[in-house]
Every structure is written in structure tokens, then in C-alpha cells.
C-alpha atoms as a PDB file:
ATOM      1  CA  MET A   1      53.104  38.286 168.558  1.00  0.00           C
ATOM      2  CA  THR A   2      56.306  39.453 167.002  1.00  0.00           C
ATOM      3  CA  ILE A   3      56.964  36.009 165.563  1.00  0.00           C
ATOM      4  CA  THR A   4      53.526  35.992 163.974  1.00  0.00           C
ATOM      5  CA  ASN A   5      54.008  39.502 162.574  1.00  0.00           C
ATOM      6  CA  THR A   6      57.407  38.532 161.222  1.00  0.00           C
ATOM      7  CA  LEU A   7      55.966  35.418 159.566  1.00  0.00           C
ATOM      8  CA  LEU A   8      53.106  37.417 158.054  1.00  0.00           C
ATOM      9  CA  ARG A   9      55.595  39.962 156.697  1.00  0.00           C
ATOM     10  CA  TYR A  10      57.655  37.177 155.039  1.00  0.00           C
ATOM     11  CA  VAL A  11      54.498  35.600 153.564  1.00  0.00           C
ATOM     12  CA  LYS A  12      53.391  38.969 152.126  1.00  0.00           C
ATOM     13  CA  ARG A  13      56.857  39.602 150.715  1.00  0.00           C
ATOM     14  CA  PHE A  14      56.897  36.108 149.173  1.00  0.00           C
ATOM     15  CA  ARG A  15      53.476  36.653 147.545  1.00  0.00           C
ATOM     16  CA  SER A  16      54.473  40.001 146.065  1.00  0.00           C
ATOM     17  CA  SER A  17      57.724  38.545 144.751  1.00  0.00           C
ATOM     18  CA  CYS A  18      55.728  35.699 143.088  1.00  0.00           C
ATOM     19  CA  ARG A  19      53.591  38.254 141.265  1.00  0.00           C
ATOM     20  CA  GLY A  20      56.753  39.839 139.936  1.00  0.00           C
ATOM     21  CA  VAL A  21      58.063  36.466 138.764  1.00  0.00           C
ATOM     22  CA  ALA A  22      54.770  35.722 136.993  1.00  0.00           C
ATOM     23  CA  ALA A  23      54.912  39.092 135.240  1.00  0.00           C
ATOM     24  CA  VAL A  24      58.488  38.469 134.078  1.00  0.00           C
ATOM     25  CA  GLU A  25      57.648  34.939 132.892  1.00  0.00           C
ATOM     26  CA  THR A  26      54.618  36.256 130.976  1.00  0.00           C
ATOM     27  CA  ALA A  27      56.708  39.006 129.391  1.00  0.00           C
ATOM     28  CA  LEU A  28      59.335  36.441 128.316  1.00  0.00           C
ATOM     29  CA  ALA A  29      56.825  33.852 127.068  1.00  0.00           C
ATOM     30  CA  PHE A  30      54.570  36.223 125.103  1.00  0.00           C
ATOM     31  CA  PRO A  31      56.930  36.744 122.121  1.00  0.00           C
ATOM     32  CA  ILE A  32      57.451  32.977 121.859  1.00  0.00           C
ATOM     33  CA  VAL A  33      53.689  32.330 121.874  1.00  0.00           C
ATOM     34  CA  LEU A  34      53.205  35.119 119.308  1.00  0.00           C
ATOM     35  CA  ALA A  35      55.925  33.671 117.041  1.00  0.00           C
ATOM     36  CA  ILE A  36      54.425  30.166 117.229  1.00  0.00           C
ATOM     37  CA  GLY A  37      50.987  31.589 116.449  1.00  0.00           C
ATOM     38  CA  SER A  38      52.205  33.506 113.396  1.00  0.00           C
ATOM     39  CA  LEU A  39      54.132  30.434 112.186  1.00  0.00           C
ATOM     40  CA  CYS A  40      50.951  28.321 112.432  1.00  0.00           C
ATOM     41  CA  ALA A  41      49.021  31.030 110.569  1.00  0.00           C
ATOM     42  CA  ASP A  42      51.695  31.097 107.831  1.00  0.00           C
ATOM     43  CA  MET A  43      51.584  27.313 107.458  1.00  0.00           C
ATOM     44  CA  TYR A  44      47.797  27.509 107.166  1.00  0.00           C
ATOM     45  CA  SER A  45      48.091  30.277 104.523  1.00  0.00           C
ATOM     46  CA  VAL A  46      50.491  28.201 102.409  1.00  0.00           C
ATOM     47  CA  GLY A  47      48.256  25.131 102.667  1.00  0.00           C
ATOM     48  CA  LEU A  48      45.195  27.177 101.754  1.00  0.00           C
ATOM     49  CA  GLU A  49      46.940  28.703  98.720  1.00  0.00           C
ATOM     50  CA  ARG A  50      48.105  25.275  97.537  1.00  0.00           C
ATOM     51  CA  SER A  51      44.538  23.975  97.917  1.00  0.00           C
ATOM     52  CA  ARG A  52      43.171  26.888  95.882  1.00  0.00           C
ATOM     53  CA  MET A  53      45.727  26.259  93.142  1.00  0.00           C
ATOM     54  CA  GLU A  54      44.763  22.563  93.004  1.00  0.00           C
ATOM     55  CA  GLN A  55      41.066  23.463  92.786  1.00  0.00           C
ATOM     56  CA  ARG A  56      41.689  25.937  89.957  1.00  0.00           C
ATOM     57  CA  ALA A  57      43.868  23.495  88.013  1.00  0.00           C
ATOM     58  CA  GLY A  58      41.269  20.748  88.485  1.00  0.00           C
ATOM     59  CA  ALA A  59      38.416  22.981  87.318  1.00  0.00           C
ATOM     60  CA  ILE A  60      40.289  24.034  84.169  1.00  0.00           C
ATOM     61  CA  ALA A  61      41.346  20.463  83.366  1.00  0.00           C
ATOM     62  CA  SER A  62      37.872  18.978  83.842  1.00  0.00           C
ATOM     63  CA  ILE A  63      36.184  21.626  81.689  1.00  0.00           C
ATOM     64  CA  LEU A  64      38.741  21.533  78.873  1.00  0.00           C
ATOM     65  CA  ALA A  65      38.808  17.715  78.815  1.00  0.00           C
ATOM     66  CA  MET A  66      35.136  17.731  77.768  1.00  0.00           C
ATOM     67  CA  GLN A  67      35.818  19.924  74.716  1.00  0.00           C
ATOM     68  CA  GLN A  68      36.481  18.779  71.173  1.00  0.00           C
ATOM     69  CA  ASP A  69      37.535  22.223  69.952  1.00  0.00           C
ATOM     70  CA  LEU A  70      39.145  25.079  71.822  1.00  0.00           C
ATOM     71  CA  THR A  71      39.080  28.705  70.708  1.00  0.00           C
ATOM     72  CA  GLU A  72      41.099  31.609  72.028  1.00  0.00           C
ATOM     73  CA  THR A  73      37.908  33.388  73.140  1.00  0.00           C
ATOM     74  CA  GLY A  74      36.624  30.285  74.927  1.00  0.00           C
ATOM     75  CA  LEU A  75      39.940  29.689  76.691  1.00  0.00           C
ATOM     76  CA  GLN A  76      40.218  33.311  77.793  1.00  0.00           C
ATOM     77  CA  GLY A  77      36.623  33.272  79.078  1.00  0.00           C
ATOM     78  CA  LEU A  78      37.330  30.140  81.108  1.00  0.00           C
ATOM     79  CA  LEU A  79      40.525  31.564  82.584  1.00  0.00           C
ATOM     80  CA  ASP A  80      38.802  34.870  83.436  1.00  0.00           C
ATOM     81  CA  THR A  81      36.154  32.901  85.317  1.00  0.00           C
ATOM     82  CA  VAL A  82      38.413  30.447  87.161  1.00  0.00           C
ATOM     83  CA  LEU A  83      41.541  32.533  87.863  1.00  0.00           C
ATOM     84  CA  PRO A  84      41.216  35.696  89.961  1.00  0.00           C
ATOM     85  CA  ASN A  85      42.809  38.871  88.658  1.00  0.00           C
ATOM     86  CA  GLN A  86      44.304  39.784  92.013  1.00  0.00           C
ATOM     87  CA  ARG A  87      46.569  38.100  94.551  1.00  0.00           C
ATOM     88  CA  LEU A  88      48.031  35.517  92.177  1.00  0.00           C
ATOM     89  CA  GLY A  89      51.425  37.196  91.974  1.00  0.00           C
ATOM     90  CA  ASN A  90      53.907  35.759  89.473  1.00  0.00           C
ATOM     91  CA  TYR A  91      52.523  32.518  88.078  1.00  0.00           C
ATOM     92  CA  GLN A  92      52.618  30.375  84.975  1.00  0.00           C
ATOM     93  CA  LEU A  93      49.747  28.238  83.742  1.00  0.00           C
ATOM     94  CA  LEU A  94      50.624  25.409  81.345  1.00  0.00           C
ATOM     95  CA  ILE A  95      47.848  23.603  79.491  1.00  0.00           C
ATOM     96  CA  SER A  96      49.019  20.499  77.621  1.00  0.00           C
ATOM     97  CA  ASN A  97      47.211  17.949  75.471  1.00  0.00           C
ATOM     98  CA  VAL A  98      49.302  14.753  75.640  1.00  0.00           C
ATOM     99  CA  ARG A  99      48.588  11.623  73.628  1.00  0.00           C
ATOM    100  CA  GLN A 100      48.480   8.269  75.409  1.00  0.00           C
ATOM    101  CA  THR A 101      51.747   7.395  73.657  1.00  0.00           C
ATOM    102  CA  GLY A 102      53.402  10.146  75.711  1.00  0.00           C
ATOM    103  CA  ASP A 103      53.885  12.589  72.830  1.00  0.00           C
ATOM    104  CA  LEU A 104      52.775  16.174  73.319  1.00  0.00           C
ATOM    105  CA  TYR A 105      50.068  17.213  70.849  1.00  0.00           C
ATOM    106  CA  TRP A 106      50.022  20.878  71.907  1.00  0.00           C
ATOM    107  CA  GLN A 107      50.935  23.096  74.845  1.00  0.00           C
ATOM    108  CA  LEU A 108      49.774  26.611  75.741  1.00  0.00           C
ATOM    109  CA  SER A 109      51.306  28.907  78.336  1.00  0.00           C
ATOM    110  CA  ARG A 110      49.471  31.660  80.191  1.00  0.00           C
ATOM    111  CA  GLY A 111      50.184  33.815  83.226  1.00  0.00           C
ATOM    112  CA  THR A 112      52.311  36.710  84.363  1.00  0.00           C
ATOM    113  CA  ALA A 113      55.671  34.894  84.283  1.00  0.00           C
ATOM    114  CA  LYS A 114      57.530  32.522  82.003  1.00  0.00           C
ATOM    115  CA  GLY A 115      59.826  29.648  82.891  1.00  0.00           C
ATOM    116  CA  LEU A 116      58.320  28.742  86.265  1.00  0.00           C
ATOM    117  CA  CYS A 117      57.116  25.298  85.104  1.00  0.00           C
ATOM    118  CA  VAL A 118      60.459  24.590  83.428  1.00  0.00           C
ATOM    119  CA  GLY A 119      60.368  20.818  83.905  1.00  0.00           C
ATOM    120  CA  SER A 120      57.075  20.544  82.007  1.00  0.00           C
ATOM    121  CA  GLU A 121      57.708  22.819  79.046  1.00  0.00           C
ATOM    122  CA  THR A 122      57.857  20.536  76.013  1.00  0.00           C
ATOM    123  CA  GLN A 123      57.950  21.018  72.243  1.00  0.00           C
ATOM    124  CA  THR A 124      55.065  19.801  70.092  1.00  0.00           C
ATOM    125  CA  ASN A 125      55.337  16.169  68.868  1.00  0.00           C
ATOM    126  CA  THR A 126      58.111  15.323  71.330  1.00  0.00           C
ATOM    127  CA  PRO A 127      57.820  13.104  74.433  1.00  0.00           C
ATOM    128  CA  TYR A 128      56.171  14.884  77.355  1.00  0.00           C
ATOM    129  CA  LEU A 129      58.689  14.894  80.203  1.00  0.00           C
ATOM    130  CA  PRO A 130      56.701  14.637  83.473  1.00  0.00           C
ATOM    131  CA  ASP A 131      55.109  11.374  84.616  1.00  0.00           C
ATOM    132  CA  LEU A 132      51.620  10.556  83.395  1.00  0.00           C
ATOM    133  CA  PRO A 133      49.221   7.921  84.764  1.00  0.00           C
ATOM    134  CA  GLU A 134      48.280   6.399  81.380  1.00  0.00           C
ATOM    135  CA  ARG A 135      51.460   6.747  79.354  1.00  0.00           C
ATOM    136  CA  ASP A 136      52.195   3.714  77.187  1.00  0.00           C
ATOM    137  CA  ALA A 137      54.671   4.433  74.409  1.00  0.00           C
ATOM    138  CA  LYS A 138      54.236   1.007  72.756  1.00  0.00           C
ATOM    139  CA  LYS A 139      50.549   0.142  73.147  1.00  0.00           C
ATOM    140  CA  GLY A 140      49.114   3.635  73.658  1.00  0.00           C
ATOM    141  CA  SER A 141      46.695   5.103  71.129  1.00  0.00           C
ATOM    142  CA  LYS A 142      47.303   8.404  69.368  1.00  0.00           C
ATOM    143  CA  ASN A 143      43.534   8.934  69.444  1.00  0.00           C
ATOM    144  CA  THR A 144      43.409   8.825  73.241  1.00  0.00           C
ATOM    145  CA  SER A 145      44.809  11.802  75.097  1.00  0.00           C
ATOM    146  CA  MET A 146      45.055  13.487  78.465  1.00  0.00           C
ATOM    147  CA  LEU A 147      44.729  17.132  79.354  1.00  0.00           C
ATOM    148  CA  VAL A 148      47.353  18.305  81.850  1.00  0.00           C
ATOM    149  CA  VAL A 149      46.958  21.644  83.625  1.00  0.00           C
ATOM    150  CA  GLU A 150      49.811  22.960  85.769  1.00  0.00           C
ATOM    151  CA  ILE A 151      49.977  26.108  87.826  1.00  0.00           C
ATOM    152  CA  CYS A 152      53.390  27.188  89.099  1.00  0.00           C
ATOM    153  CA  ARG A 153      53.627  30.177  91.430  1.00  0.00           C
ATOM    154  CA  GLN A 154      56.560  31.858  93.111  1.00  0.00           C
ATOM    155  CA  GLY A 155      56.440  31.210  96.826  1.00  0.00           C
ATOM    156  CA  LYS A 156      57.668  34.693  97.737  1.00  0.00           C
ATOM    157  CA  ASP A 157      54.380  36.130  96.426  1.00  0.00           C
ATOM    158  CA  VAL A 158      52.316  34.377  99.084  1.00  0.00           C
ATOM    159  CA  ALA A 159      51.466  36.868 101.847  1.00  0.00           C
ATOM    160  CA  LEU A 160      52.778  35.586 105.188  1.00  0.00           C
ATOM    161  CA  LEU A 161      52.066  37.115 108.608  1.00  0.00           C
ATOM    162  CA  GLY A 162      55.380  36.302 110.214  1.00  0.00           C
ATOM    163  CA  GLY A 163      57.354  38.468 107.813  1.00  0.00           C
ATOM    164  CA  MET A 164      59.139  35.396 106.495  1.00  0.00           C
ATOM    165  CA  SER A 165      59.503  34.734 102.795  1.00  0.00           C
ATOM    166  CA  LEU A 166      58.532  31.409 101.271  1.00  0.00           C
ATOM    167  CA  GLY A 167      61.251  30.266  98.889  1.00  0.00           C
ATOM    168  CA  GLY A 168      60.824  28.033  95.882  1.00  0.00           C
ATOM    169  CA  LEU A 169      57.655  27.348  93.951  1.00  0.00           C
ATOM    170  CA  LEU A 170      54.131  26.316  94.716  1.00  0.00           C
ATOM    171  CA  HIS A 171      53.083  23.761  92.115  1.00  0.00           C
ATOM    172  CA  ALA A 172      49.693  22.191  91.369  1.00  0.00           C
ATOM    173  CA  THR A 173      48.874  19.688  88.614  1.00  0.00           C
ATOM    174  CA  ALA A 174      45.577  18.241  87.410  1.00  0.00           C
ATOM    175  CA  ILE A 175      45.253  15.500  84.771  1.00  0.00           C
ATOM    176  CA  ASN A 176      42.014  14.498  83.051  1.00  0.00           C
ATOM    177  CA  ARG A 177      41.422  12.121  80.185  1.00  0.00           C
ATOM    178  CA  VAL A 178      39.970  13.892  77.152  1.00  0.00           C
ATOM    179  CA  ALA A 179      36.428  12.685  76.438  1.00  0.00           C
ATOM    180  CA  ILE A 180      36.886  12.191  72.680  1.00  0.00           C
ATOM    181  CA  GLY A 181      40.284  11.901  70.999  1.00  0.00           C
ATOM    182  CA  VAL A 182      42.327  15.088  71.207  1.00  0.00           C
ATOM    183  CA  VAL A 183      41.288  18.705  71.663  1.00  0.00           C
ATOM    184  CA  ASP A 184      41.651  20.647  68.409  1.00  0.00           C
ATOM    185  CA  LEU A 185      42.714  24.291  68.572  1.00  0.00           C
ATOM    186  CA  ASP A 186      41.468  27.199  66.475  1.00  0.00           C
ATOM    187  CA  GLU A 187      43.863  28.931  64.092  1.00  0.00           C
ATOM    188  CA  THR A 188      45.151  31.493  66.606  1.00  0.00           C
ATOM    189  CA  LEU A 189      45.882  28.950  69.333  1.00  0.00           C
ATOM    190  CA  SER A 190      47.358  26.506  66.783  1.00  0.00           C
ATOM    191  CA  LYS A 191      49.897  29.120  65.715  1.00  0.00           C
ATOM    192  CA  GLU A 192      50.736  29.857  69.344  1.00  0.00           C
ATOM    193  CA  ALA A 193      51.220  26.144  70.073  1.00  0.00           C
ATOM    194  CA  GLY A 194      53.330  25.616  66.962  1.00  0.00           C
ATOM    195  CA  LEU A 195      50.877  23.254  65.280  1.00  0.00           C
ATOM    196  CA  ASP A 196      50.662  22.894  61.516  1.00  0.00           C
ATOM    197  CA  ASN A 197      46.942  22.785  60.796  1.00  0.00           C
ATOM    198  CA  ASP A 198      47.454  20.807  57.600  1.00  0.00           C
ATOM    199  CA  LYS A 199      49.070  17.912  59.492  1.00  0.00           C
ATOM    200  CA  LYS A 200      46.332  17.210  62.038  1.00  0.00           C
END
């Protein structure tokens, strides 16, 4: 009987020591699981924000491409409807009307920051720098144009769960062909864009 009692004692001791090992392993693994979970949530948040920016840029581009004339009141009404007032952080919105020849007809900048879309900022009547799907400097028509909408946002403004900071920029671009010719601006927007109304 003593051998059986001794064996039972060892088995009980082994079982209780296994519970302790499982508790230690769980305590060690939990922070790793939590970190992986927050990293996945952060990646989802960045993807969701990029998707929202692309949807907003696409909505603005498709609506403005159907216009023949654009007024300051109309543009502001559109932006108030499409862009939320909160949670956008520091961003720049560039709206450009580019002729098929590749020359910029006009460009307007909106947002809470300047200089975020540096590679796209172009002077009126000069070649538009970024790539365009229909650019043809030799055979392109000056009466055919594209509307390019870009939203650039600082990555550090995106709220992340893991406490990490997203460096760089989030960038979304939408390009639509203008329905008829170019989009003409009212006097206020023309002055802002640097257009001379007499030379349209």
C-alpha cells in the first residue's frame, strides 16, 4: 500500500505543478497576444482611414468633373458635405484641373495644413508633375481635361490603439475626366488659383 500511496502522492504533485506551469505560460503569453491584437487593430484602422480618404477624393472628383462652372459657395458646400469637420487632423486637399496636354489649368488648395502634397503643387499653365492616365503633350487637346483630387494627411494624426505613431503621409488620389472641356472658376476662385479671367 505504501508504494501505491507514494505513487498517488507523486501524481498529485505532478498535476499541481502542471497547473502552475500553465499559469506561468498564460501570464507570459498574454502580453504577446495582446500586442499582436492591438497591432492587427492598428493595421485595420490605417486601412480603413485610407479607404475613407479614397472614397472622399472619388466623390469630390466625380461631382466636380460634371460641372462646367465652379463657384466658391458651391465648392465650400460640397466640401462641407463630403469632408467631416472632426477627426481629419492635419490634411491638405488639392483640386486640380489639368488639360489633356499635361498643362495645369488651375489648382485650388484646401485643408488645415499646407505643403503636405508637395509633389503635386504646380503653377498655373505649367506641366502638371504627377503621372496622369491620359496625358499626351503632342496630340492632347486643350479642350479635354481631367479633374484630379488629392488628399494628403499626416500619419501621426491617425488614432492607433497600440500607442505607436504612424510616420509619413497617407495619400489618396482620384482622377476623373471632365464632362465638357474645362471647369471654369468664378472670380473669387480664379484669383485664388492665379488665373487671368481675360485670357480664358
